[in-house]
Amino acid sequence: MPRACGWCRTRWSCATLALELQVRRGVQVSAETLRRWLHDLGWVGERAKLAAKDDDPQRVEKLARIRYTLEHLPARAALFFADELALSLLPKVGSQWLPQGEQLEVLTPGTNEKRSLAGAWDLRQGTLLPRVWGRKPHGPFLDLLTALDRAYPPLHFPRR
């Protein structure tokens, strides 16, 4: 990892590797030569896979609390997991290997359109209630709560 060597990067580029070779080993080589060497070794330039960081020190306690809540939930009650996020519809474009002289085209929506998405997952029924908005004013999550109120009206118990 470049960060372990003091670089403020998440990935190695051929230029960065060439500089690292020069500083650490005194070997002066161009980035293009280094790229050819790596290619000869069977290395390819691929994107890294993103992985979620899971280092919460209270993770076990939080999961136990969720399990306890679910196991002791009244029969007619509902339990939801809810979240919201912003979506950018403009595709991310990075480098990839192609034959020389060719360039890949990636279709775009024209401008960088954005959407906001809020959703609630009913843990018992396994159903998802999504809400999509054109932009993110104050409303996507409040709209989700309103939709939940309509989809899950409060139970009316007869008086004794």
N, C-alpha and C. Protein backbone atom coordinates (compact mmCIF):
# COMPACT_ATOMS: atom_id res chain seq x y z
N MET A 1 0.84 -1.18 0.00
CA MET A 1 0.00 0.00 0.00
C MET A 1 0.88 1.25 0.00
N PRO A 2 0.57 2.21 -0.84
CA PRO A 2 1.36 3.44 -0.89
C PRO A 2 1.39 4.18 0.45
N ARG A 3 0.29 4.14 1.19
CA ARG A 3 0.26 4.88 2.48
C ARG A 3 1.27 4.32 3.47
N ALA A 4 1.51 3.02 3.42
CA ALA A 4 2.49 2.41 4.32
C ALA A 4 3.90 2.91 4.01
N CYS A 5 4.10 3.42 2.80
CA CYS A 5 5.42 3.94 2.40
C CYS A 5 5.46 5.47 2.47
N GLY A 6 4.43 6.09 3.04
CA GLY A 6 4.43 7.54 3.22
C GLY A 6 3.77 8.33 2.10
N TRP A 7 3.15 7.68 1.15
CA TRP A 7 2.47 8.37 0.05
C TRP A 7 1.02 8.65 0.45
N CYS A 8 0.50 9.77 0.01
CA CYS A 8 -0.91 10.12 0.26
C CYS A 8 -1.74 9.63 -0.92
N ARG A 9 -1.75 8.32 -1.12
CA ARG A 9 -2.46 7.70 -2.24
C ARG A 9 -3.10 6.41 -1.77
N THR A 10 -4.12 5.96 -2.49
CA THR A 10 -4.74 4.68 -2.16
C THR A 10 -4.27 3.58 -3.10
N ARG A 11 -3.61 3.94 -4.20
CA ARG A 11 -3.15 2.93 -5.14
C ARG A 11 -1.81 3.33 -5.73
N TRP A 12 -1.08 2.35 -6.23
CA TRP A 12 0.20 2.61 -6.87
C TRP A 12 -0.01 2.94 -8.33
N SER A 13 0.62 3.98 -8.82
CA SER A 13 0.69 4.24 -10.25
C SER A 13 2.11 3.89 -10.69
N CYS A 14 2.31 3.74 -11.97
CA CYS A 14 3.66 3.43 -12.46
C CYS A 14 4.62 4.56 -12.12
N ALA A 15 4.15 5.81 -12.20
CA ALA A 15 5.02 6.95 -11.87
C ALA A 15 5.42 6.93 -10.39
N THR A 16 4.47 6.63 -9.52
CA THR A 16 4.76 6.57 -8.09
C THR A 16 5.71 5.42 -7.77
N LEU A 17 5.49 4.26 -8.40
CA LEU A 17 6.40 3.13 -8.20
C LEU A 17 7.82 3.46 -8.68
N ALA A 18 7.92 4.16 -9.82
CA ALA A 18 9.24 4.55 -10.33
C ALA A 18 9.95 5.47 -9.35
N LEU A 19 9.23 6.43 -8.78
CA LEU A 19 9.83 7.31 -7.78
C LEU A 19 10.24 6.54 -6.53
N GLU A 20 9.41 5.60 -6.12
CA GLU A 20 9.72 4.79 -4.94
C GLU A 20 10.97 3.95 -5.17
N LEU A 21 11.10 3.37 -6.36
CA LEU A 21 12.31 2.61 -6.71
C LEU A 21 13.56 3.49 -6.67
N GLN A 22 13.42 4.71 -7.16
CA GLN A 22 14.56 5.63 -7.18
C GLN A 22 14.97 6.02 -5.76
N VAL A 23 13.99 6.33 -4.90
CA VAL A 23 14.29 6.77 -3.53
C VAL A 23 14.82 5.61 -2.69
N ARG A 24 14.17 4.45 -2.75
CA ARG A 24 14.52 3.35 -1.85
C ARG A 24 15.68 2.49 -2.35
N ARG A 25 15.80 2.33 -3.67
CA ARG A 25 16.80 1.40 -4.21
C ARG A 25 17.85 2.09 -5.10
N GLY A 26 17.64 3.36 -5.41
CA GLY A 26 18.57 4.06 -6.29
C GLY A 26 18.46 3.63 -7.74
N VAL A 27 17.37 2.95 -8.10
CA VAL A 27 17.15 2.50 -9.47
C VAL A 27 16.33 3.56 -10.19
N GLN A 28 16.92 4.10 -11.28
CA GLN A 28 16.22 5.14 -12.03
C GLN A 28 15.61 4.51 -13.28
N VAL A 29 14.30 4.53 -13.34
CA VAL A 29 13.57 3.92 -14.44
C VAL A 29 12.34 4.78 -14.73
N SER A 30 11.93 4.81 -15.99
CA SER A 30 10.75 5.61 -16.34
C SER A 30 9.48 4.85 -15.96
N ALA A 31 8.41 5.59 -15.84
CA ALA A 31 7.12 4.98 -15.51
C ALA A 31 6.69 4.03 -16.63
N GLU A 32 6.99 4.37 -17.87
CA GLU A 32 6.61 3.52 -19.00
C GLU A 32 7.38 2.21 -18.98
N THR A 33 8.66 2.26 -18.66
CA THR A 33 9.46 1.04 -18.56
C THR A 33 8.92 0.16 -17.44
N LEU A 34 8.61 0.77 -16.32
CA LEU A 34 8.04 0.02 -15.20
C LEU A 34 6.71 -0.61 -15.59
N ARG A 35 5.89 0.11 -16.34
CA ARG A 35 4.62 -0.43 -16.81
C ARG A 35 4.85 -1.65 -17.69
N ARG A 36 5.84 -1.59 -18.59
CA ARG A 36 6.16 -2.73 -19.46
C ARG A 36 6.63 -3.93 -18.63
N TRP A 37 7.48 -3.67 -17.62
CA TRP A 37 7.96 -4.74 -16.76
C TRP A 37 6.79 -5.43 -16.05
N LEU A 38 5.91 -4.61 -15.51
CA LEU A 38 4.74 -5.18 -14.81
C LEU A 38 3.88 -5.99 -15.76
N HIS A 39 3.70 -5.46 -16.98
CA HIS A 39 2.90 -6.16 -17.98
C HIS A 39 3.56 -7.49 -18.34
N ASP A 40 4.89 -7.51 -18.49
CA ASP A 40 5.61 -8.74 -18.79
C ASP A 40 5.47 -9.78 -17.68
N LEU A 41 5.30 -9.31 -16.43
CA LEU A 41 5.11 -10.21 -15.30
C LEU A 41 3.68 -10.73 -15.20
N GLY A 42 2.80 -10.24 -16.10
CA GLY A 42 1.41 -10.68 -16.08
C GLY A 42 0.51 -9.83 -15.20
N TRP A 43 1.03 -8.69 -14.74
CA TRP A 43 0.22 -7.79 -13.91
C TRP A 43 -0.64 -6.93 -14.82
N VAL A 44 -1.85 -6.63 -14.37
CA VAL A 44 -2.77 -5.78 -15.13
C VAL A 44 -3.26 -4.64 -14.24
N GLY A 45 -3.67 -3.57 -14.86
CA GLY A 45 -4.22 -2.44 -14.11
C GLY A 45 -5.70 -2.61 -13.89
N GLU A 46 -6.09 -3.10 -12.72
CA GLU A 46 -7.51 -3.27 -12.39
C GLU A 46 -7.87 -2.43 -11.19
N ARG A 47 -9.12 -2.10 -11.11
CA ARG A 47 -9.61 -1.33 -9.97
C ARG A 47 -9.70 -2.22 -8.73
N ALA A 48 -9.42 -1.62 -7.59
CA ALA A 48 -9.55 -2.34 -6.33
C ALA A 48 -11.02 -2.53 -5.99
N LYS A 49 -11.33 -3.57 -5.22
CA LYS A 49 -12.69 -3.81 -4.75
C LYS A 49 -12.86 -3.08 -3.43
N LEU A 50 -13.91 -2.29 -3.33
CA LEU A 50 -14.18 -1.58 -2.09
C LEU A 50 -14.73 -2.55 -1.05
N ALA A 51 -14.29 -2.40 0.17
CA ALA A 51 -14.77 -3.24 1.26
C ALA A 51 -15.14 -2.35 2.44
N ALA A 52 -16.23 -2.69 3.09
CA ALA A 52 -16.69 -1.90 4.23
C ALA A 52 -15.75 -2.11 5.42
N LYS A 53 -15.48 -1.05 6.12
CA LYS A 53 -14.64 -1.12 7.31
C LYS A 53 -15.51 -1.60 8.48
N ASP A 54 -15.05 -2.61 9.18
CA ASP A 54 -15.83 -3.18 10.27
C ASP A 54 -14.96 -3.24 11.52
N ASP A 55 -14.73 -2.08 12.12
CA ASP A 55 -13.87 -2.05 13.31
C ASP A 55 -14.53 -1.34 14.49
N ASP A 56 -15.86 -1.39 14.53
CA ASP A 56 -16.59 -0.76 15.63
C ASP A 56 -16.36 -1.56 16.91
N PRO A 57 -15.77 -0.97 17.95
CA PRO A 57 -15.52 -1.72 19.17
C PRO A 57 -16.80 -2.14 19.90
N GLN A 58 -17.93 -1.49 19.60
CA GLN A 58 -19.20 -1.84 20.24
C GLN A 58 -20.09 -2.70 19.34
N ARG A 59 -19.52 -3.25 18.28
CA ARG A 59 -20.29 -4.01 17.29
C ARG A 59 -21.05 -5.16 17.94
N VAL A 60 -20.40 -5.97 18.74
CA VAL A 60 -21.04 -7.14 19.35
C VAL A 60 -22.21 -6.72 20.23
N GLU A 61 -22.00 -5.68 21.04
CA GLU A 61 -23.07 -5.20 21.93
C GLU A 61 -24.25 -4.66 21.13
N LYS A 62 -23.97 -3.91 20.05
CA LYS A 62 -25.05 -3.36 19.23
C LYS A 62 -25.87 -4.47 18.57
N LEU A 63 -25.19 -5.47 18.02
CA LEU A 63 -25.90 -6.58 17.38
C LEU A 63 -26.71 -7.37 18.40
N ALA A 64 -26.16 -7.55 19.60
CA ALA A 64 -26.90 -8.26 20.65
C ALA A 64 -28.16 -7.48 21.03
N ARG A 65 -28.06 -6.15 21.10
CA ARG A 65 -29.23 -5.31 21.43
C ARG A 65 -30.30 -5.43 20.34
N ILE A 66 -29.87 -5.46 19.07
CA ILE A 66 -30.83 -5.60 17.96
C ILE A 66 -31.50 -6.97 18.04
N ARG A 67 -30.71 -8.03 18.26
CA ARG A 67 -31.29 -9.38 18.38
C ARG A 67 -32.27 -9.46 19.54
N TYR A 68 -31.91 -8.90 20.67
CA TYR A 68 -32.79 -8.92 21.85
C TYR A 68 -34.10 -8.20 21.53
N THR A 69 -33.99 -7.03 20.91
CA THR A 69 -35.19 -6.26 20.56
C THR A 69 -36.09 -7.06 19.63
N LEU A 70 -35.50 -7.71 18.62
CA LEU A 70 -36.29 -8.50 17.68
C LEU A 70 -36.95 -9.69 18.36
N GLU A 71 -36.20 -10.37 19.22
CA GLU A 71 -36.74 -11.56 19.90
C GLU A 71 -37.86 -11.21 20.90
N HIS A 72 -37.85 -10.00 21.44
CA HIS A 72 -38.85 -9.60 22.43
C HIS A 72 -39.87 -8.61 21.87
N LEU A 73 -39.95 -8.52 20.57
CA LEU A 73 -40.88 -7.61 19.92
C LEU A 73 -42.30 -8.17 20.04
N PRO A 74 -43.27 -7.34 20.43
CA PRO A 74 -44.66 -7.83 20.49
C PRO A 74 -45.09 -8.37 19.13
N ALA A 75 -46.02 -9.32 19.15
CA ALA A 75 -46.44 -10.02 17.93
C ALA A 75 -46.94 -9.08 16.84
N ARG A 76 -47.64 -8.01 17.22
CA ARG A 76 -48.25 -7.12 16.21
C ARG A 76 -47.40 -5.89 15.91
N ALA A 77 -46.17 -5.85 16.43
CA ALA A 77 -45.30 -4.69 16.20
C ALA A 77 -44.43 -4.92 14.96
N ALA A 78 -43.94 -3.84 14.39
CA ALA A 78 -43.06 -3.90 13.22
C ALA A 78 -41.70 -3.31 13.59
N LEU A 79 -40.66 -3.82 12.96
CA LEU A 79 -39.31 -3.31 13.18
C LEU A 79 -38.71 -2.96 11.82
N PHE A 80 -38.19 -1.74 11.71
CA PHE A 80 -37.65 -1.27 10.44
C PHE A 80 -36.19 -0.86 10.58
N PHE A 81 -35.45 -1.10 9.52
CA PHE A 81 -34.13 -0.51 9.36
C PHE A 81 -34.29 0.52 8.25
N ALA A 82 -33.88 1.75 8.50
CA ALA A 82 -34.09 2.82 7.53
C ALA A 82 -32.80 3.60 7.31
N ASP A 83 -32.65 4.13 6.09
CA ASP A 83 -31.48 4.94 5.77
C ASP A 83 -31.81 5.78 4.55
N GLU A 84 -30.96 6.77 4.29
CA GLU A 84 -31.10 7.58 3.09
C GLU A 84 -29.72 7.83 2.51
N LEU A 85 -29.69 8.10 1.18
CA LEU A 85 -28.43 8.37 0.53
C LEU A 85 -28.66 9.22 -0.71
N ALA A 86 -27.59 9.83 -1.19
CA ALA A 86 -27.64 10.62 -2.41
C ALA A 86 -26.99 9.81 -3.53
N LEU A 87 -27.63 9.79 -4.69
CA LEU A 87 -27.12 9.06 -5.85
C LEU A 87 -26.70 10.02 -6.93
N SER A 88 -25.52 9.82 -7.48
CA SER A 88 -25.06 10.57 -8.62
C SER A 88 -25.20 9.67 -9.83
N LEU A 89 -25.92 10.12 -10.86
CA LEU A 89 -26.17 9.28 -12.03
C LEU A 89 -25.07 9.39 -13.08
N LEU A 90 -24.09 10.27 -12.87
CA LEU A 90 -22.97 10.37 -13.80
C LEU A 90 -22.00 9.23 -13.50
N PRO A 91 -21.72 8.36 -14.48
CA PRO A 91 -20.86 7.22 -14.20
C PRO A 91 -19.43 7.64 -13.87
N LYS A 92 -18.80 6.88 -12.96
CA LYS A 92 -17.39 7.09 -12.66
C LYS A 92 -16.58 6.42 -13.75
N VAL A 93 -15.62 7.13 -14.29
CA VAL A 93 -14.80 6.59 -15.37
C VAL A 93 -13.36 6.56 -14.90
N GLY A 94 -12.73 5.42 -15.00
CA GLY A 94 -11.32 5.27 -14.62
C GLY A 94 -10.56 4.62 -15.75
N SER A 95 -9.30 4.38 -15.52
CA SER A 95 -8.47 3.81 -16.57
C SER A 95 -8.71 2.31 -16.67
N GLN A 96 -8.47 1.78 -17.87
CA GLN A 96 -8.52 0.35 -18.09
C GLN A 96 -7.67 0.03 -19.31
N TRP A 97 -7.26 -1.21 -19.43
CA TRP A 97 -6.43 -1.62 -20.55
C TRP A 97 -7.29 -1.78 -21.80
N LEU A 98 -6.84 -1.18 -22.90
CA LEU A 98 -7.51 -1.31 -24.19
C LEU A 98 -6.44 -1.36 -25.27
N PRO A 99 -6.76 -1.92 -26.44
CA PRO A 99 -5.79 -1.88 -27.53
C PRO A 99 -5.47 -0.42 -27.88
N GLN A 100 -4.22 -0.18 -28.25
CA GLN A 100 -3.80 1.19 -28.57
C GLN A 100 -4.65 1.74 -29.70
N GLY A 101 -5.04 2.99 -29.55
CA GLY A 101 -5.85 3.66 -30.56
C GLY A 101 -7.34 3.52 -30.34
N GLU A 102 -7.76 2.68 -29.40
CA GLU A 102 -9.18 2.53 -29.11
C GLU A 102 -9.52 3.26 -27.82
N GLN A 103 -10.73 3.77 -27.74
CA GLN A 103 -11.19 4.42 -26.52
C GLN A 103 -12.62 3.98 -26.25
N LEU A 104 -12.87 3.59 -25.03
CA LEU A 104 -14.19 3.12 -24.63
C LEU A 104 -15.11 4.32 -24.41
N GLU A 105 -16.35 4.20 -24.88
CA GLU A 105 -17.35 5.25 -24.63
C GLU A 105 -18.30 4.76 -23.56
N VAL A 106 -18.58 5.63 -22.60
CA VAL A 106 -19.55 5.33 -21.55
C VAL A 106 -20.66 6.36 -21.65
N LEU A 107 -21.88 5.88 -21.85
CA LEU A 107 -23.02 6.78 -22.00
C LEU A 107 -23.32 7.48 -20.67
N THR A 108 -23.65 8.74 -20.74
CA THR A 108 -23.99 9.52 -19.56
C THR A 108 -25.42 10.04 -19.70
N PRO A 109 -26.03 10.47 -18.60
CA PRO A 109 -27.37 11.04 -18.68
C PRO A 109 -27.38 12.45 -19.23
N GLY A 110 -26.26 12.95 -19.70
CA GLY A 110 -26.16 14.32 -20.21
C GLY A 110 -25.49 15.20 -19.19
N THR A 111 -26.20 15.56 -18.16
CA THR A 111 -25.60 16.30 -17.05
C THR A 111 -25.58 15.38 -15.84
N ASN A 112 -24.87 15.78 -14.84
CA ASN A 112 -24.78 14.95 -13.65
C ASN A 112 -26.08 15.06 -12.85
N GLU A 113 -27.04 14.24 -13.23
CA GLU A 113 -28.31 14.23 -12.51
C GLU A 113 -28.11 13.57 -11.16
N LYS A 114 -28.81 14.07 -10.17
CA LYS A 114 -28.71 13.50 -8.83
C LYS A 114 -30.09 13.13 -8.33
N ARG A 115 -30.14 12.09 -7.55
CA ARG A 115 -31.37 11.65 -6.91
C ARG A 115 -31.08 11.38 -5.45
N SER A 116 -32.10 11.46 -4.64
CA SER A 116 -32.00 11.08 -3.23
C SER A 116 -32.89 9.88 -3.02
N LEU A 117 -32.41 8.94 -2.26
CA LEU A 117 -33.13 7.71 -2.01
C LEU A 117 -33.21 7.48 -0.52
N ALA A 118 -34.41 7.20 -0.04
CA ALA A 118 -34.60 6.80 1.36
C ALA A 118 -35.40 5.51 1.33
N GLY A 119 -35.11 4.62 2.25
CA GLY A 119 -35.83 3.36 2.26
C GLY A 119 -35.90 2.78 3.66
N ALA A 120 -36.93 1.99 3.89
CA ALA A 120 -37.10 1.30 5.16
C ALA A 120 -37.36 -0.17 4.85
N TRP A 121 -36.65 -1.03 5.55
CA TRP A 121 -36.80 -2.47 5.37
C TRP A 121 -37.53 -3.04 6.57
N ASP A 122 -38.67 -3.67 6.31
CA ASP A 122 -39.46 -4.32 7.35
C ASP A 122 -38.79 -5.66 7.64
N LEU A 123 -38.17 -5.76 8.79
CA LEU A 123 -37.38 -6.94 9.13
C LEU A 123 -38.23 -8.20 9.19
N ARG A 124 -39.45 -8.09 9.69
CA ARG A 124 -40.30 -9.29 9.83
C ARG A 124 -40.84 -9.78 8.50
N GLN A 125 -41.32 -8.85 7.67
CA GLN A 125 -41.95 -9.25 6.41
C GLN A 125 -40.94 -9.33 5.26
N GLY A 126 -39.77 -8.72 5.43
CA GLY A 126 -38.77 -8.72 4.37
C GLY A 126 -39.11 -7.80 3.22
N THR A 127 -39.99 -6.82 3.45
CA THR A 127 -40.38 -5.90 2.39
C THR A 127 -39.61 -4.59 2.53
N LEU A 128 -39.44 -3.92 1.41
CA LEU A 128 -38.72 -2.65 1.37
C LEU A 128 -39.66 -1.57 0.89
N LEU A 129 -39.65 -0.44 1.57
CA LEU A 129 -40.47 0.70 1.17
C LEU A 129 -39.50 1.81 0.74
N PRO A 130 -39.31 2.00 -0.58
CA PRO A 130 -38.37 3.03 -1.05
C PRO A 130 -39.07 4.34 -1.38
N ARG A 131 -38.35 5.44 -1.28
CA ARG A 131 -38.82 6.76 -1.69
C ARG A 131 -37.67 7.40 -2.46
N VAL A 132 -37.94 7.90 -3.66
CA VAL A 132 -36.92 8.54 -4.49
C VAL A 132 -37.32 9.99 -4.73
N TRP A 133 -36.35 10.88 -4.61
CA TRP A 133 -36.58 12.32 -4.83
C TRP A 133 -35.62 12.82 -5.89
N GLY A 134 -36.03 13.86 -6.63
CA GLY A 134 -35.19 14.46 -7.66
C GLY A 134 -33.99 15.17 -7.09
N ARG A 135 -34.12 15.83 -6.01
CA ARG A 135 -32.98 16.46 -5.34
C ARG A 135 -33.19 16.31 -3.85
N LYS A 136 -32.24 16.72 -3.08
CA LYS A 136 -32.32 16.44 -1.66
C LYS A 136 -32.69 17.69 -0.86
N PRO A 137 -33.96 18.03 -0.81
CA PRO A 137 -34.37 19.09 0.11
C PRO A 137 -34.50 18.44 1.50
N HIS A 138 -35.37 18.95 2.31
CA HIS A 138 -35.53 18.39 3.65
C HIS A 138 -36.34 17.11 3.65
N GLY A 139 -36.94 16.78 2.51
CA GLY A 139 -38.02 15.84 2.53
C GLY A 139 -37.87 14.35 2.36
N PRO A 140 -36.83 13.77 1.76
CA PRO A 140 -36.91 12.33 1.49
C PRO A 140 -37.16 11.48 2.71
N PHE A 141 -36.49 11.74 3.80
CA PHE A 141 -36.66 10.90 4.98
C PHE A 141 -38.03 11.16 5.62
N LEU A 142 -38.46 12.43 5.65
CA LEU A 142 -39.79 12.72 6.20
C LEU A 142 -40.88 12.11 5.33
N ASP A 143 -40.67 12.11 4.01
CA ASP A 143 -41.62 11.47 3.10
C ASP A 143 -41.66 9.96 3.38
N LEU A 144 -40.52 9.37 3.68
CA LEU A 144 -40.48 7.95 4.02
C LEU A 144 -41.28 7.68 5.28
N LEU A 145 -41.13 8.51 6.30
CA LEU A 145 -41.88 8.33 7.54
C LEU A 145 -43.39 8.45 7.29
N THR A 146 -43.79 9.39 6.45
CA THR A 146 -45.20 9.55 6.10
C THR A 146 -45.71 8.30 5.38
N ALA A 147 -44.90 7.78 4.44
CA ALA A 147 -45.28 6.57 3.71
C ALA A 147 -45.39 5.37 4.66
N LEU A 148 -44.51 5.30 5.65
CA LEU A 148 -44.59 4.22 6.65
C LEU A 148 -45.87 4.35 7.47
N ASP A 149 -46.24 5.57 7.83
CA ASP A 149 -47.49 5.78 8.57
C ASP A 149 -48.69 5.29 7.77
N ARG A 150 -48.68 5.54 6.45
CA ARG A 150 -49.79 5.09 5.61
C ARG A 150 -49.79 3.57 5.43
N ALA A 151 -48.59 2.99 5.24
CA ALA A 151 -48.48 1.55 4.99
C ALA A 151 -48.70 0.73 6.26
N TYR A 152 -48.39 1.31 7.41
CA TYR A 152 -48.51 0.59 8.69
C TYR A 152 -49.31 1.47 9.66
N PRO A 153 -50.63 1.52 9.46
CA PRO A 153 -51.43 2.37 10.36
C PRO A 153 -51.38 1.81 11.79
N PRO A 154 -51.50 2.68 12.77
CA PRO A 154 -51.46 2.22 14.16
C PRO A 154 -52.62 1.25 14.44
N LEU A 155 -52.32 0.30 15.27
CA LEU A 155 -53.36 -0.67 15.65
C LEU A 155 -54.30 -0.03 16.66
N HIS A 156 -55.58 -0.27 16.50
CA HIS A 156 -56.57 0.24 17.46
C HIS A 156 -57.08 -0.94 18.28
N PHE A 157 -56.80 -0.90 19.54
CA PHE A 157 -57.23 -1.97 20.42
C PHE A 157 -58.55 -1.56 21.07
N PRO A 158 -59.49 -2.51 21.18
CA PRO A 158 -60.78 -2.16 21.83
C PRO A 158 -60.55 -1.86 23.32
N ARG A 159 -61.29 -0.89 23.80
CA ARG A 159 -61.21 -0.55 25.22
C ARG A 159 -61.93 -1.60 26.04
N ARG A 160 -61.46 -1.81 27.24
CA ARG A 160 -62.11 -2.80 28.11
C ARG A 160 -63.13 -2.15 28.97
